[in-house]
Amino acid sequence: MEKNPEYTTIDEYIAQFEGETRKRLKAIRKLIAELAPEATEKIAYRMPTFFLNGNLIHFAGFAHHIGLYPTPQGVEEFKEDLARYKQGKGSVQFPLDEPLPLDLIARIVKFRVQRNAGKKPKK
C-alpha cells in the first residue's frame, strides 16, 4: 500500500488493500450504503466517509484492524457494546483476527442516521 496517497474515491481507497482488509472495508461500505441510502460518499480526513446532513461515519483500514469513526456521540451511545474494543474519542478498532461485528456496526449506523436527521435515535 502506498504511504499517504491522495484518494479521491472510496473505490480508490479500498483498492489499495488486499485480502481480509479489503473484504471487510467492502462489507462496511455496503452495510452503510444500505442503511443510509440518501448519504453520499466522499473522502474526508483521508478516509472513506458517508455524508448525510454532515459527516455521518468514517471508516479506514490498517495493518491489524479496521477503524470505525462514528463520532464521540456514536461511541458513547454504544459504550457497553464497544467496551471490548480499543477506542479513542469518536473511534473504535475492530481487530482483523476477530469476526467483524456487522450487527453492532448496523446499529451504530442507524443511530448516526437518526442523529443526523435530527430525530431521536432508536436502538
PDB file of N, CA and C in Angstrom:
ATOM      1  N   MET A   1       0.835  -1.173   0.000  1.00  0.00           N
ATOM      2  CA  MET A   1       0.000   0.000   0.000  1.00  0.00           C
ATOM      3  C   MET A   1       0.886   1.245   0.000  1.00  0.00           C
ATOM      4  N   GLU A   2       0.516   2.193  -0.793  1.00  0.00           N
ATOM      5  CA  GLU A   2       1.261   3.446  -0.901  1.00  0.00           C
ATOM      6  C   GLU A   2       1.116   4.250   0.386  1.00  0.00           C
ATOM      7  N   LYS A   3       2.156   4.904   0.792  1.00  0.00           N
ATOM      8  CA  LYS A   3       2.126   5.693   2.021  1.00  0.00           C
ATOM      9  C   LYS A   3       1.591   7.100   1.731  1.00  0.00           C
ATOM     10  N   ASN A   4       0.574   7.495   2.499  1.00  0.00           N
ATOM     11  CA  ASN A   4      -0.037   8.820   2.395  1.00  0.00           C
ATOM     12  C   ASN A   4      -0.500   9.202   0.986  1.00  0.00           C
ATOM     13  N   PRO A   5      -1.189   8.304   0.300  1.00  0.00           N
ATOM     14  CA  PRO A   5      -1.694   8.665  -1.026  1.00  0.00           C
ATOM     15  C   PRO A   5      -2.881   9.620  -0.928  1.00  0.00           C
ATOM     16  N   GLU A   6      -3.188  10.256  -2.014  1.00  0.00           N
ATOM     17  CA  GLU A   6      -4.344  11.140  -2.092  1.00  0.00           C
ATOM     18  C   GLU A   6      -5.445  10.401  -2.855  1.00  0.00           C
ATOM     19  N   TYR A   7      -6.400   9.884  -2.134  1.00  0.00           N
ATOM     20  CA  TYR A   7      -7.528   9.196  -2.755  1.00  0.00           C
ATOM     21  C   TYR A   7      -8.615  10.203  -3.062  1.00  0.00           C
ATOM     22  N   THR A   8      -9.335   9.975  -4.139  1.00  0.00           N
ATOM     23  CA  THR A   8     -10.463  10.843  -4.451  1.00  0.00           C
ATOM     24  C   THR A   8     -11.790  10.106  -4.351  1.00  0.00           C
ATOM     25  N   THR A   9     -11.746   8.761  -4.335  1.00  0.00           N
ATOM     26  CA  THR A   9     -12.976   7.980  -4.207  1.00  0.00           C
ATOM     27  C   THR A   9     -12.763   6.834  -3.217  1.00  0.00           C
ATOM     28  N   ILE A  10     -13.861   6.321  -2.729  1.00  0.00           N
ATOM     29  CA  ILE A  10     -13.793   5.172  -1.830  1.00  0.00           C
ATOM     30  C   ILE A  10     -13.291   3.948  -2.589  1.00  0.00           C
ATOM     31  N   ASP A  11     -13.651   3.822  -3.858  1.00  0.00           N
ATOM     32  CA  ASP A  11     -13.137   2.705  -4.663  1.00  0.00           C
ATOM     33  C   ASP A  11     -11.610   2.723  -4.701  1.00  0.00           C
ATOM     34  N   GLU A  12     -11.025   3.882  -4.924  1.00  0.00           N
ATOM     35  CA  GLU A  12      -9.559   4.001  -4.942  1.00  0.00           C
ATOM     36  C   GLU A  12      -8.971   3.635  -3.587  1.00  0.00           C
ATOM     37  N   TYR A  13      -9.607   4.090  -2.532  1.00  0.00           N
ATOM     38  CA  TYR A  13      -9.112   3.799  -1.191  1.00  0.00           C
ATOM     39  C   TYR A  13      -9.103   2.288  -0.944  1.00  0.00           C
ATOM     40  N   ILE A  14     -10.222   1.639  -1.176  1.00  0.00           N
ATOM     41  CA  ILE A  14     -10.340   0.200  -0.909  1.00  0.00           C
ATOM     42  C   ILE A  14      -9.411  -0.610  -1.802  1.00  0.00           C
ATOM     43  N   ALA A  15      -9.202  -0.165  -3.038  1.00  0.00           N
ATOM     44  CA  ALA A  15      -8.356  -0.897  -3.984  1.00  0.00           C
ATOM     45  C   ALA A  15      -6.911  -1.022  -3.505  1.00  0.00           C
ATOM     46  N   GLN A  16      -6.488  -0.177  -2.589  1.00  0.00           N
ATOM     47  CA  GLN A  16      -5.116  -0.225  -2.085  1.00  0.00           C
ATOM     48  C   GLN A  16      -4.885  -1.387  -1.120  1.00  0.00           C
ATOM     49  N   PHE A  17      -5.967  -2.004  -0.655  1.00  0.00           N
ATOM     50  CA  PHE A  17      -5.866  -3.088   0.319  1.00  0.00           C
ATOM     51  C   PHE A  17      -6.065  -4.434  -0.352  1.00  0.00           C
ATOM     52  N   GLU A  18      -5.639  -5.475   0.336  1.00  0.00           N
ATOM     53  CA  GLU A  18      -5.791  -6.834  -0.163  1.00  0.00           C
ATOM     54  C   GLU A  18      -6.473  -7.686   0.888  1.00  0.00           C
ATOM     55  N   GLY A  19      -6.879  -8.869   0.489  1.00  0.00           N
ATOM     56  CA  GLY A  19      -7.341  -9.896   1.405  1.00  0.00           C
ATOM     57  C   GLY A  19      -8.454  -9.488   2.336  1.00  0.00           C
ATOM     58  N   GLU A  20      -8.274  -9.883   3.598  1.00  0.00           N
ATOM     59  CA  GLU A  20      -9.307  -9.682   4.612  1.00  0.00           C
ATOM     60  C   GLU A  20      -9.624  -8.207   4.837  1.00  0.00           C
ATOM     61  N   THR A  21      -8.620  -7.354   4.777  1.00  0.00           N
ATOM     62  CA  THR A  21      -8.870  -5.927   4.984  1.00  0.00           C
ATOM     63  C   THR A  21      -9.797  -5.390   3.898  1.00  0.00           C
ATOM     64  N   ARG A  22      -9.517  -5.705   2.649  1.00  0.00           N
ATOM     65  CA  ARG A  22     -10.367  -5.245   1.546  1.00  0.00           C
ATOM     66  C   ARG A  22     -11.783  -5.793   1.702  1.00  0.00           C
ATOM     67  N   LYS A  23     -11.892  -7.062   2.037  1.00  0.00           N
ATOM     68  CA  LYS A  23     -13.201  -7.705   2.210  1.00  0.00           C
ATOM     69  C   LYS A  23     -14.017  -6.987   3.288  1.00  0.00           C
ATOM     70  N   ARG A  24     -13.379  -6.667   4.392  1.00  0.00           N
ATOM     71  CA  ARG A  24     -14.083  -6.000   5.490  1.00  0.00           C
ATOM     72  C   ARG A  24     -14.449  -4.557   5.143  1.00  0.00           C
ATOM     73  N   LEU A  25     -13.571  -3.854   4.467  1.00  0.00           N
ATOM     74  CA  LEU A  25     -13.900  -2.490   4.047  1.00  0.00           C
ATOM     75  C   LEU A  25     -15.097  -2.490   3.105  1.00  0.00           C
ATOM     76  N   LYS A  26     -15.124  -3.441   2.180  1.00  0.00           N
ATOM     77  CA  LYS A  26     -16.267  -3.550   1.246  1.00  0.00           C
ATOM     78  C   LYS A  26     -17.550  -3.872   2.004  1.00  0.00           C
ATOM     79  N   ALA A  27     -17.465  -4.760   2.997  1.00  0.00           N
ATOM     80  CA  ALA A  27     -18.653  -5.134   3.770  1.00  0.00           C
ATOM     81  C   ALA A  27     -19.207  -3.939   4.543  1.00  0.00           C
ATOM     82  N   ILE A  28     -18.324  -3.149   5.141  1.00  0.00           N
ATOM     83  CA  ILE A  28     -18.768  -1.969   5.882  1.00  0.00           C
ATOM     84  C   ILE A  28     -19.382  -0.949   4.931  1.00  0.00           C
ATOM     85  N   ARG A  29     -18.744  -0.731   3.813  1.00  0.00           N
ATOM     86  CA  ARG A  29     -19.278   0.217   2.824  1.00  0.00           C
ATOM     87  C   ARG A  29     -20.671  -0.201   2.375  1.00  0.00           C
ATOM     88  N   LYS A  30     -20.835  -1.466   2.046  1.00  0.00           N
ATOM     89  CA  LYS A  30     -22.130  -1.985   1.580  1.00  0.00           C
ATOM     90  C   LYS A  30     -23.191  -1.813   2.660  1.00  0.00           C
ATOM     91  N   LEU A  31     -22.857  -2.136   3.886  1.00  0.00           N
ATOM     92  CA  LEU A  31     -23.784  -2.014   5.001  1.00  0.00           C
ATOM     93  C   LEU A  31     -24.231  -0.570   5.191  1.00  0.00           C
ATOM     94  N   ILE A  32     -23.291   0.349   5.205  1.00  0.00           N
ATOM     95  CA  ILE A  32     -23.637   1.756   5.393  1.00  0.00           C
ATOM     96  C   ILE A  32     -24.506   2.245   4.240  1.00  0.00           C
ATOM     97  N   ALA A  33     -24.149   1.883   3.018  1.00  0.00           N
ATOM     98  CA  ALA A  33     -24.928   2.306   1.850  1.00  0.00           C
ATOM     99  C   ALA A  33     -26.368   1.790   1.921  1.00  0.00           C
ATOM    100  N   GLU A  34     -26.544   0.573   2.413  1.00  0.00           N
ATOM    101  CA  GLU A  34     -27.892   0.007   2.541  1.00  0.00           C
ATOM    102  C   GLU A  34     -28.698   0.707   3.629  1.00  0.00           C
ATOM    103  N   LEU A  35     -28.052   1.053   4.726  1.00  0.00           N
ATOM    104  CA  LEU A  35     -28.748   1.660   5.861  1.00  0.00           C
ATOM    105  C   LEU A  35     -28.904   3.172   5.743  1.00  0.00           C
ATOM    106  N   ALA A  36     -28.120   3.777   4.893  1.00  0.00           N
ATOM    107  CA  ALA A  36     -28.178   5.232   4.694  1.00  0.00           C
ATOM    108  C   ALA A  36     -28.180   5.528   3.196  1.00  0.00           C
ATOM    109  N   PRO A  37     -29.241   5.101   2.486  1.00  0.00           N
ATOM    110  CA  PRO A  37     -29.247   5.248   1.020  1.00  0.00           C
ATOM    111  C   PRO A  37     -29.197   6.697   0.532  1.00  0.00           C
ATOM    112  N   GLU A  38     -29.599   7.646   1.372  1.00  0.00           N
ATOM    113  CA  GLU A  38     -29.546   9.060   0.962  1.00  0.00           C
ATOM    114  C   GLU A  38     -28.166   9.680   1.161  1.00  0.00           C
ATOM    115  N   ALA A  39     -27.306   8.973   1.876  1.00  0.00           N
ATOM    116  CA  ALA A  39     -25.972   9.507   2.150  1.00  0.00           C
ATOM    117  C   ALA A  39     -25.112   9.489   0.885  1.00  0.00           C
ATOM    118  N   THR A  40     -24.206  10.415   0.803  1.00  0.00           N
ATOM    119  CA  THR A  40     -23.262  10.447  -0.305  1.00  0.00           C
ATOM    120  C   THR A  40     -21.893  10.015   0.200  1.00  0.00           C
ATOM    121  N   GLU A  41     -21.102   9.488  -0.717  1.00  0.00           N
ATOM    122  CA  GLU A  41     -19.757   9.031  -0.387  1.00  0.00           C
ATOM    123  C   GLU A  41     -18.737  10.110  -0.722  1.00  0.00           C
ATOM    124  N   LYS A  42     -17.717  10.189   0.101  1.00  0.00           N
ATOM    125  CA  LYS A  42     -16.607  11.095  -0.182  1.00  0.00           C
ATOM    126  C   LYS A  42     -15.399  10.629   0.613  1.00  0.00           C
ATOM    127  N   ILE A  43     -14.287  11.247   0.355  1.00  0.00           N
ATOM    128  CA  ILE A  43     -13.095  11.053   1.170  1.00  0.00           C
ATOM    129  C   ILE A  43     -12.964  12.293   2.042  1.00  0.00           C
ATOM    130  N   ALA A  44     -12.882  12.082   3.355  1.00  0.00           N
ATOM    131  CA  ALA A  44     -12.682  13.182   4.294  1.00  0.00           C
ATOM    132  C   ALA A  44     -11.667  12.711   5.325  1.00  0.00           C
ATOM    133  N   TYR A  45     -10.745  13.566   5.676  1.00  0.00           N
ATOM    134  CA  TYR A  45      -9.667  13.186   6.598  1.00  0.00           C
ATOM    135  C   TYR A  45      -8.916  11.958   6.089  1.00  0.00           C
ATOM    136  N   ARG A  46      -8.821  11.840   4.756  1.00  0.00           N
ATOM    137  CA  ARG A  46      -8.127  10.730   4.079  1.00  0.00           C
ATOM    138  C   ARG A  46      -8.772   9.372   4.336  1.00  0.00           C
ATOM    139  N   MET A  47     -10.070   9.381   4.663  1.00  0.00           N
ATOM    140  CA  MET A  47     -10.795   8.141   4.937  1.00  0.00           C
ATOM    141  C   MET A  47     -12.096   8.104   4.166  1.00  0.00           C
ATOM    142  N   PRO A  48     -12.566   6.900   3.857  1.00  0.00           N
ATOM    143  CA  PRO A  48     -13.916   6.775   3.293  1.00  0.00           C
ATOM    144  C   PRO A  48     -14.925   7.347   4.279  1.00  0.00           C
ATOM    145  N   THR A  49     -15.822   8.157   3.756  1.00  0.00           N
ATOM    146  CA  THR A  49     -16.796   8.859   4.586  1.00  0.00           C
ATOM    147  C   THR A  49     -18.156   8.833   3.913  1.00  0.00           C
ATOM    148  N   PHE A  50     -19.171   8.627   4.726  1.00  0.00           N
ATOM    149  CA  PHE A  50     -20.539   8.805   4.262  1.00  0.00           C
ATOM    150  C   PHE A  50     -21.035  10.104   4.864  1.00  0.00           C
ATOM    151  N   PHE A  51     -21.691  10.914   4.038  1.00  0.00           N
ATOM    152  CA  PHE A  51     -22.109  12.264   4.392  1.00  0.00           C
ATOM    153  C   PHE A  51     -23.626  12.349   4.276  1.00  0.00           C
ATOM    154  N   LEU A  52     -24.282  12.786   5.350  1.00  0.00           N
ATOM    155  CA  LEU A  52     -25.734  12.971   5.366  1.00  0.00           C
ATOM    156  C   LEU A  52     -26.035  14.057   6.382  1.00  0.00           C
ATOM    157  N   ASN A  53     -26.321  15.246   5.900  1.00  0.00           N
ATOM    158  CA  ASN A  53     -26.514  16.397   6.797  1.00  0.00           C
ATOM    159  C   ASN A  53     -25.282  16.573   7.694  1.00  0.00           C
ATOM    160  N   GLY A  54     -24.122  16.387   7.136  1.00  0.00           N
ATOM    161  CA  GLY A  54     -22.862  16.421   7.881  1.00  0.00           C
ATOM    162  C   GLY A  54     -22.196  15.061   7.769  1.00  0.00           C
ATOM    163  N   ASN A  55     -20.992  14.959   8.288  1.00  0.00           N
ATOM    164  CA  ASN A  55     -20.309  13.667   8.248  1.00  0.00           C
ATOM    165  C   ASN A  55     -21.105  12.668   9.078  1.00  0.00           C
ATOM    166  N   LEU A  56     -21.439  11.554   8.465  1.00  0.00           N
ATOM    167  CA  LEU A  56     -22.225  10.522   9.125  1.00  0.00           C
ATOM    168  C   LEU A  56     -21.317   9.537   9.850  1.00  0.00           C
ATOM    169  N   ILE A  57     -20.363   8.978   9.089  1.00  0.00           N
ATOM    170  CA  ILE A  57     -19.466   7.977   9.645  1.00  0.00           C
ATOM    171  C   ILE A  57     -18.266   7.824   8.717  1.00  0.00           C
ATOM    172  N   HIS A  58     -17.108   7.585   9.292  1.00  0.00           N
ATOM    173  CA  HIS A  58     -15.879   7.318   8.545  1.00  0.00           C
ATOM    174  C   HIS A  58     -15.445   5.897   8.874  1.00  0.00           C
ATOM    175  N   PHE A  59     -14.665   5.303   7.980  1.00  0.00           N
ATOM    176  CA  PHE A  59     -14.046   4.010   8.270  1.00  0.00           C
ATOM    177  C   PHE A  59     -12.718   3.943   7.549  1.00  0.00           C
ATOM    178  N   ALA A  60     -11.834   3.061   8.020  1.00  0.00           N
ATOM    179  CA  ALA A  60     -10.492   3.003   7.434  1.00  0.00           C
ATOM    180  C   ALA A  60      -9.850   1.652   7.720  1.00  0.00           C
ATOM    181  N   GLY A  61      -8.923   1.278   6.850  1.00  0.00           N
ATOM    182  CA  GLY A  61      -8.188   0.031   7.012  1.00  0.00           C
ATOM    183  C   GLY A  61      -6.792   0.289   7.546  1.00  0.00           C
ATOM    184  N   PHE A  62      -6.332  -0.611   8.407  1.00  0.00           N
ATOM    185  CA  PHE A  62      -4.993  -0.529   8.988  1.00  0.00           C
ATOM    186  C   PHE A  62      -4.380  -1.922   8.979  1.00  0.00           C
ATOM    187  N   ALA A  63      -3.148  -2.023   9.372  1.00  0.00           N
ATOM    188  CA  ALA A  63      -2.432  -3.305   9.329  1.00  0.00           C
ATOM    189  C   ALA A  63      -3.085  -4.393  10.170  1.00  0.00           C
ATOM    190  N   HIS A  64      -3.635  -4.027  11.312  1.00  0.00           N
ATOM    191  CA  HIS A  64      -4.164  -5.043  12.228  1.00  0.00           C
ATOM    192  C   HIS A  64      -5.618  -4.835  12.620  1.00  0.00           C
ATOM    193  N   HIS A  65      -6.242  -3.783  12.085  1.00  0.00           N
ATOM    194  CA  HIS A  65      -7.638  -3.531  12.455  1.00  0.00           C
ATOM    195  C   HIS A  65      -8.346  -2.691  11.400  1.00  0.00           C
ATOM    196  N   ILE A  66      -9.657  -2.625  11.565  1.00  0.00           N
ATOM    197  CA  ILE A  66     -10.493  -1.698  10.804  1.00  0.00           C
ATOM    198  C   ILE A  66     -10.920  -0.629  11.787  1.00  0.00           C
ATOM    199  N   GLY A  67     -10.739   0.622  11.421  1.00  0.00           N
ATOM    200  CA  GLY A  67     -11.171   1.725  12.265  1.00  0.00           C
ATOM    201  C   GLY A  67     -12.545   2.208  11.837  1.00  0.00           C
ATOM    202  N   LEU A  68     -13.408   2.432  12.805  1.00  0.00           N
ATOM    203  CA  LEU A  68     -14.733   2.989  12.559  1.00  0.00           C
ATOM    204  C   LEU A  68     -14.823   4.265  13.366  1.00  0.00           C
ATOM    205  N   TYR A  69     -15.311   5.325  12.750  1.00  0.00           N
ATOM    206  CA  TYR A  69     -15.335   6.653  13.356  1.00  0.00           C
ATOM    207  C   TYR A  69     -16.761   7.200  13.331  1.00  0.00           C
ATOM    208  N   PRO A  70     -17.576   6.801  14.323  1.00  0.00           N
ATOM    209  CA  PRO A  70     -18.975   7.241  14.355  1.00  0.00           C
ATOM    210  C   PRO A  70     -19.211   8.489  15.195  1.00  0.00           C
ATOM    211  N   THR A  71     -18.211   9.282  15.423  1.00  0.00           N
ATOM    212  CA  THR A  71     -18.225  10.483  16.263  1.00  0.00           C
ATOM    213  C   THR A  71     -18.205  10.096  17.738  1.00  0.00           C
ATOM    214  N   PRO A  72     -17.797  10.998  18.611  1.00  0.00           N
ATOM    215  CA  PRO A  72     -17.811  10.677  20.042  1.00  0.00           C
ATOM    216  C   PRO A  72     -19.211  10.257  20.527  1.00  0.00           C
ATOM    217  N   GLN A  73     -20.231  10.890  19.990  1.00  0.00           N
ATOM    218  CA  GLN A  73     -21.608  10.567  20.370  1.00  0.00           C
ATOM    219  C   GLN A  73     -21.959   9.120  20.002  1.00  0.00           C
ATOM    220  N   GLY A  74     -21.520   8.668  18.838  1.00  0.00           N
ATOM    221  CA  GLY A  74     -21.782   7.297  18.413  1.00  0.00           C
ATOM    222  C   GLY A  74     -21.068   6.276  19.273  1.00  0.00           C
ATOM    223  N   VAL A  75     -19.857   6.591  19.696  1.00  0.00           N
ATOM    224  CA  VAL A  75     -19.108   5.687  20.577  1.00  0.00           C
ATOM    225  C   VAL A  75     -19.750   5.668  21.964  1.00  0.00           C
ATOM    226  N   GLU A  76     -20.115   6.824  22.480  1.00  0.00           N
ATOM    227  CA  GLU A  76     -20.710   6.919  23.815  1.00  0.00           C
ATOM    228  C   GLU A  76     -22.038   6.148  23.886  1.00  0.00           C
ATOM    229  N   GLU A  77     -22.849   6.272  22.865  1.00  0.00           N
ATOM    230  CA  GLU A  77     -24.160   5.613  22.850  1.00  0.00           C
ATOM    231  C   GLU A  77     -24.036   4.089  22.945  1.00  0.00           C
ATOM    232  N   PHE A  78     -22.968   3.541  22.410  1.00  0.00           N
ATOM    233  CA  PHE A  78     -22.785   2.083  22.381  1.00  0.00           C
ATOM    234  C   PHE A  78     -21.596   1.637  23.234  1.00  0.00           C
ATOM    235  N   LYS A  79     -21.274   2.424  24.270  1.00  0.00           N
ATOM    236  CA  LYS A  79     -20.067   2.167  25.056  1.00  0.00           C
ATOM    237  C   LYS A  79     -20.035   0.764  25.664  1.00  0.00           C
ATOM    238  N   GLU A  80     -21.175   0.244  26.089  1.00  0.00           N
ATOM    239  CA  GLU A  80     -21.181  -1.105  26.662  1.00  0.00           C
ATOM    240  C   GLU A  80     -20.875  -2.152  25.597  1.00  0.00           C
ATOM    241  N   ASP A  81     -21.485  -2.014  24.433  1.00  0.00           N
ATOM    242  CA  ASP A  81     -21.251  -2.962  23.332  1.00  0.00           C
ATOM    243  C   ASP A  81     -19.823  -2.867  22.803  1.00  0.00           C
ATOM    244  N   LEU A  82     -19.233  -1.694  22.890  1.00  0.00           N
ATOM    245  CA  LEU A  82     -17.892  -1.460  22.349  1.00  0.00           C
ATOM    246  C   LEU A  82     -16.790  -1.641  23.389  1.00  0.00           C
ATOM    247  N   ALA A  83     -17.154  -1.949  24.622  1.00  0.00           N
ATOM    248  CA  ALA A  83     -16.183  -1.993  25.725  1.00  0.00           C
ATOM    249  C   ALA A  83     -15.009  -2.933  25.458  1.00  0.00           C
ATOM    250  N   ARG A  84     -15.219  -4.002  24.720  1.00  0.00           N
ATOM    251  CA  ARG A  84     -14.151  -4.977  24.492  1.00  0.00           C
ATOM    252  C   ARG A  84     -13.155  -4.538  23.414  1.00  0.00           C
ATOM    253  N   TYR A  85     -13.464  -3.463  22.705  1.00  0.00           N
ATOM    254  CA  TYR A  85     -12.606  -2.987  21.614  1.00  0.00           C
ATOM    255  C   TYR A  85     -11.798  -1.769  22.043  1.00  0.00           C
ATOM    256  N   LYS A  86     -10.632  -1.626  21.463  1.00  0.00           N
ATOM    257  CA  LYS A  86      -9.811  -0.441  21.690  1.00  0.00           C
ATOM    258  C   LYS A  86     -10.539   0.766  21.103  1.00  0.00           C
ATOM    259  N   GLN A  87     -10.545   1.862  21.858  1.00  0.00           N
ATOM    260  CA  GLN A  87     -11.281   3.050  21.440  1.00  0.00           C
ATOM    261  C   GLN A  87     -10.458   4.306  21.614  1.00  0.00           C
ATOM    262  N   GLY A  88     -10.880   5.316  20.899  1.00  0.00           N
ATOM    263  CA  GLY A  88     -10.375   6.669  21.067  1.00  0.00           C
ATOM    264  C   GLY A  88     -11.585   7.567  21.103  1.00  0.00           C
ATOM    265  N   LYS A  89     -11.372   8.849  21.166  1.00  0.00           N
ATOM    266  CA  LYS A  89     -12.505   9.774  21.158  1.00  0.00           C
ATOM    267  C   LYS A  89     -13.166   9.718  19.778  1.00  0.00           C
ATOM    268  N   GLY A  90     -14.323   9.124  19.723  1.00  0.00           N
ATOM    269  CA  GLY A  90     -15.056   9.045  18.462  1.00  0.00           C
ATOM    270  C   GLY A  90     -14.612   7.942  17.539  1.00  0.00           C
ATOM    271  N   SER A  91     -13.805   6.984  18.041  1.00  0.00           N
ATOM    272  CA  SER A  91     -13.317   5.913  17.171  1.00  0.00           C
ATOM    273  C   SER A  91     -13.291   4.584  17.907  1.00  0.00           C
ATOM    274  N   VAL A  92     -13.332   3.516  17.121  1.00  0.00           N
ATOM    275  CA  VAL A  92     -13.232   2.169  17.665  1.00  0.00           C
ATOM    276  C   VAL A  92     -12.440   1.326  16.672  1.00  0.00           C
ATOM    277  N   GLN A  93     -11.684   0.368  17.200  1.00  0.00           N
ATOM    278  CA  GLN A  93     -10.866  -0.511  16.358  1.00  0.00           C
ATOM    279  C   GLN A  93     -11.402  -1.936  16.434  1.00  0.00           C
ATOM    280  N   PHE A  94     -11.685  -2.505  15.256  1.00  0.00           N
ATOM    281  CA  PHE A  94     -12.112  -3.892  15.160  1.00  0.00           C
ATOM    282  C   PHE A  94     -10.938  -4.708  14.624  1.00  0.00           C
ATOM    283  N   PRO A  95     -10.340  -5.564  15.464  1.00  0.00           N
ATOM    284  CA  PRO A  95      -9.166  -6.338  15.042  1.00  0.00           C
ATOM    285  C   PRO A  95      -9.461  -7.247  13.854  1.00  0.00           C
ATOM    286  N   LEU A  96      -8.479  -7.390  12.976  1.00  0.00           N
ATOM    287  CA  LEU A  96      -8.646  -8.231  11.798  1.00  0.00           C
ATOM    288  C   LEU A  96      -8.694  -9.716  12.145  1.00  0.00           C
ATOM    289  N   ASP A  97      -8.192 -10.090  13.319  1.00  0.00           N
ATOM    290  CA  ASP A  97      -8.188 -11.504  13.683  1.00  0.00           C
ATOM    291  C   ASP A  97      -9.431 -11.918  14.478  1.00  0.00           C
ATOM    292  N   GLU A  98     -10.450 -11.051  14.495  1.00  0.00           N
ATOM    293  CA  GLU A  98     -11.725 -11.354  15.133  1.00  0.00           C
ATOM    294  C   GLU A  98     -12.839 -11.111  14.124  1.00  0.00           C
ATOM    295  N   PRO A  99     -13.995 -11.769  14.321  1.00  0.00           N
ATOM    296  CA  PRO A  99     -15.117 -11.520  13.408  1.00  0.00           C
ATOM    297  C   PRO A  99     -15.535 -10.046  13.436  1.00  0.00           C
ATOM    298  N   LEU A 100     -15.901  -9.529  12.281  1.00  0.00           N
ATOM    299  CA  LEU A 100     -16.366  -8.142  12.176  1.00  0.00           C
ATOM    300  C   LEU A 100     -17.803  -8.086  12.709  1.00  0.00           C
ATOM    301  N   PRO A 101     -18.079  -7.247  13.719  1.00  0.00           N
ATOM    302  CA  PRO A 101     -19.416  -7.204  14.316  1.00  0.00           C
ATOM    303  C   PRO A 101     -20.405  -6.377  13.480  1.00  0.00           C
ATOM    304  N   LEU A 102     -20.828  -6.932  12.364  1.00  0.00           N
ATOM    305  CA  LEU A 102     -21.687  -6.181  11.437  1.00  0.00           C
ATOM    306  C   LEU A 102     -23.021  -5.777  12.069  1.00  0.00           C
ATOM    307  N   ASP A 103     -23.578  -6.613  12.950  1.00  0.00           N
ATOM    308  CA  ASP A 103     -24.841  -6.239  13.604  1.00  0.00           C
ATOM    309  C   ASP A 103     -24.657  -4.992  14.467  1.00  0.00           C
ATOM    310  N   LEU A 104     -23.559  -4.938  15.199  1.00  0.00           N
ATOM    311  CA  LEU A 104     -23.261  -3.770  16.020  1.00  0.00           C
ATOM    312  C   LEU A 104     -23.004  -2.550  15.144  1.00  0.00           C
ATOM    313  N   ILE A 105     -22.245  -2.723  14.090  1.00  0.00           N
ATOM    314  CA  ILE A 105     -21.980  -1.606  13.170  1.00  0.00           C
ATOM    315  C   ILE A 105     -23.288  -1.096  12.585  1.00  0.00           C
ATOM    316  N   ALA A 106     -24.204  -2.001  12.243  1.00  0.00           N
ATOM    317  CA  ALA A 106     -25.508  -1.601  11.703  1.00  0.00           C
ATOM    318  C   ALA A 106     -26.275  -0.747  12.711  1.00  0.00           C
ATOM    319  N   ARG A 107     -26.260  -1.141  13.972  1.00  0.00           N
ATOM    320  CA  ARG A 107     -26.951  -0.366  14.998  1.00  0.00           C
ATOM    321  C   ARG A 107     -26.327   1.019  15.150  1.00  0.00           C
ATOM    322  N   ILE A 108     -25.010   1.083  15.070  1.00  0.00           N
ATOM    323  CA  ILE A 108     -24.319   2.372  15.165  1.00  0.00           C
ATOM    324  C   ILE A 108     -24.685   3.261  13.977  1.00  0.00           C
ATOM    325  N   VAL A 109     -24.695   2.686  12.785  1.00  0.00           N
ATOM    326  CA  VAL A 109     -25.044   3.469  11.585  1.00  0.00           C
ATOM    327  C   VAL A 109     -26.474   3.988  11.689  1.00  0.00           C
ATOM    328  N   LYS A 110     -27.408   3.149  12.103  1.00  0.00           N
ATOM    329  CA  LYS A 110     -28.804   3.586  12.253  1.00  0.00           C
ATOM    330  C   LYS A 110     -28.906   4.735  13.245  1.00  0.00           C
ATOM    331  N   PHE A 111     -28.184   4.626  14.350  1.00  0.00           N
ATOM    332  CA  PHE A 111     -28.153   5.700  15.343  1.00  0.00           C
ATOM    333  C   PHE A 111     -27.642   6.990  14.715  1.00  0.00           C
ATOM    334  N   ARG A 112     -26.544   6.904  13.978  1.00  0.00           N
ATOM    335  CA  ARG A 112     -25.958   8.103  13.366  1.00  0.00           C
ATOM    336  C   ARG A 112     -26.897   8.709  12.322  1.00  0.00           C
ATOM    337  N   VAL A 113     -27.566   7.875  11.537  1.00  0.00           N
ATOM    338  CA  VAL A 113     -28.532   8.386  10.547  1.00  0.00           C
ATOM    339  C   VAL A 113     -29.629   9.161  11.261  1.00  0.00           C
ATOM    340  N   GLN A 114     -30.167   8.598  12.328  1.00  0.00           N
ATOM    341  CA  GLN A 114     -31.233   9.276  13.061  1.00  0.00           C
ATOM    342  C   GLN A 114     -30.737  10.568  13.697  1.00  0.00           C
ATOM    343  N   ARG A 115     -29.537  10.548  14.233  1.00  0.00           N
ATOM    344  CA  ARG A 115     -28.956  11.761  14.815  1.00  0.00           C
ATOM    345  C   ARG A 115     -28.792  12.847  13.763  1.00  0.00           C
ATOM    346  N   ASN A 116     -28.233  12.473  12.620  1.00  0.00           N
ATOM    347  CA  ASN A 116     -28.002  13.479  11.586  1.00  0.00           C
ATOM    348  C   ASN A 116     -29.300  13.958  10.959  1.00  0.00           C
ATOM    349  N   ALA A 117     -30.338  13.165  11.045  1.00  0.00           N
ATOM    350  CA  ALA A 117     -31.637  13.579  10.526  1.00  0.00           C
ATOM    351  C   ALA A 117     -32.393  14.428  11.554  1.00  0.00           C
ATOM    352  N   GLY A 118     -31.821  14.534  12.761  1.00  0.00           N
ATOM    353  CA  GLY A 118     -32.454  15.340  13.795  1.00  0.00           C
ATOM    354  C   GLY A 118     -33.539  14.607  14.554  1.00  0.00           C
ATOM    355  N   LYS A 119     -33.641  13.306  14.372  1.00  0.00           N
ATOM    356  CA  LYS A 119     -34.650  12.508  15.058  1.00  0.00           C
ATOM    357  C   LYS A 119     -34.046  11.877  16.292  1.00  0.00           C
ATOM    358  N   LYS A 120     -34.907  11.534  17.210  1.00  0.00           N
ATOM    359  CA  LYS A 120     -34.439  10.815  18.394  1.00  0.00           C
ATOM    360  C   LYS A 120     -34.094   9.384  17.979  1.00  0.00           C
ATOM    361  N   PRO A 121     -32.870   8.936  18.237  1.00  0.00           N
ATOM    362  CA  PRO A 121     -32.465   7.608  17.797  1.00  0.00           C
ATOM    363  C   PRO A 121     -33.160   6.485  18.558  1.00  0.00           C
ATOM    364  N   LYS A 122     -33.375   5.386  17.823  1.00  0.00           N
ATOM    365  CA  LYS A 122     -33.927   4.167  18.417  1.00  0.00           C
ATOM    366  C   LYS A 122     -32.839   3.111  18.349  1.00  0.00           C
ATOM    367  N   LYS A 123     -32.688   2.366  19.411  1.00  0.00           N
ATOM    368  CA  LYS A 123     -31.667   1.303  19.425  1.00  0.00           C
ATOM    369  C   LYS A 123     -32.209   0.046  18.803  1.00  0.00           C
TER     370      LYS A 123
END
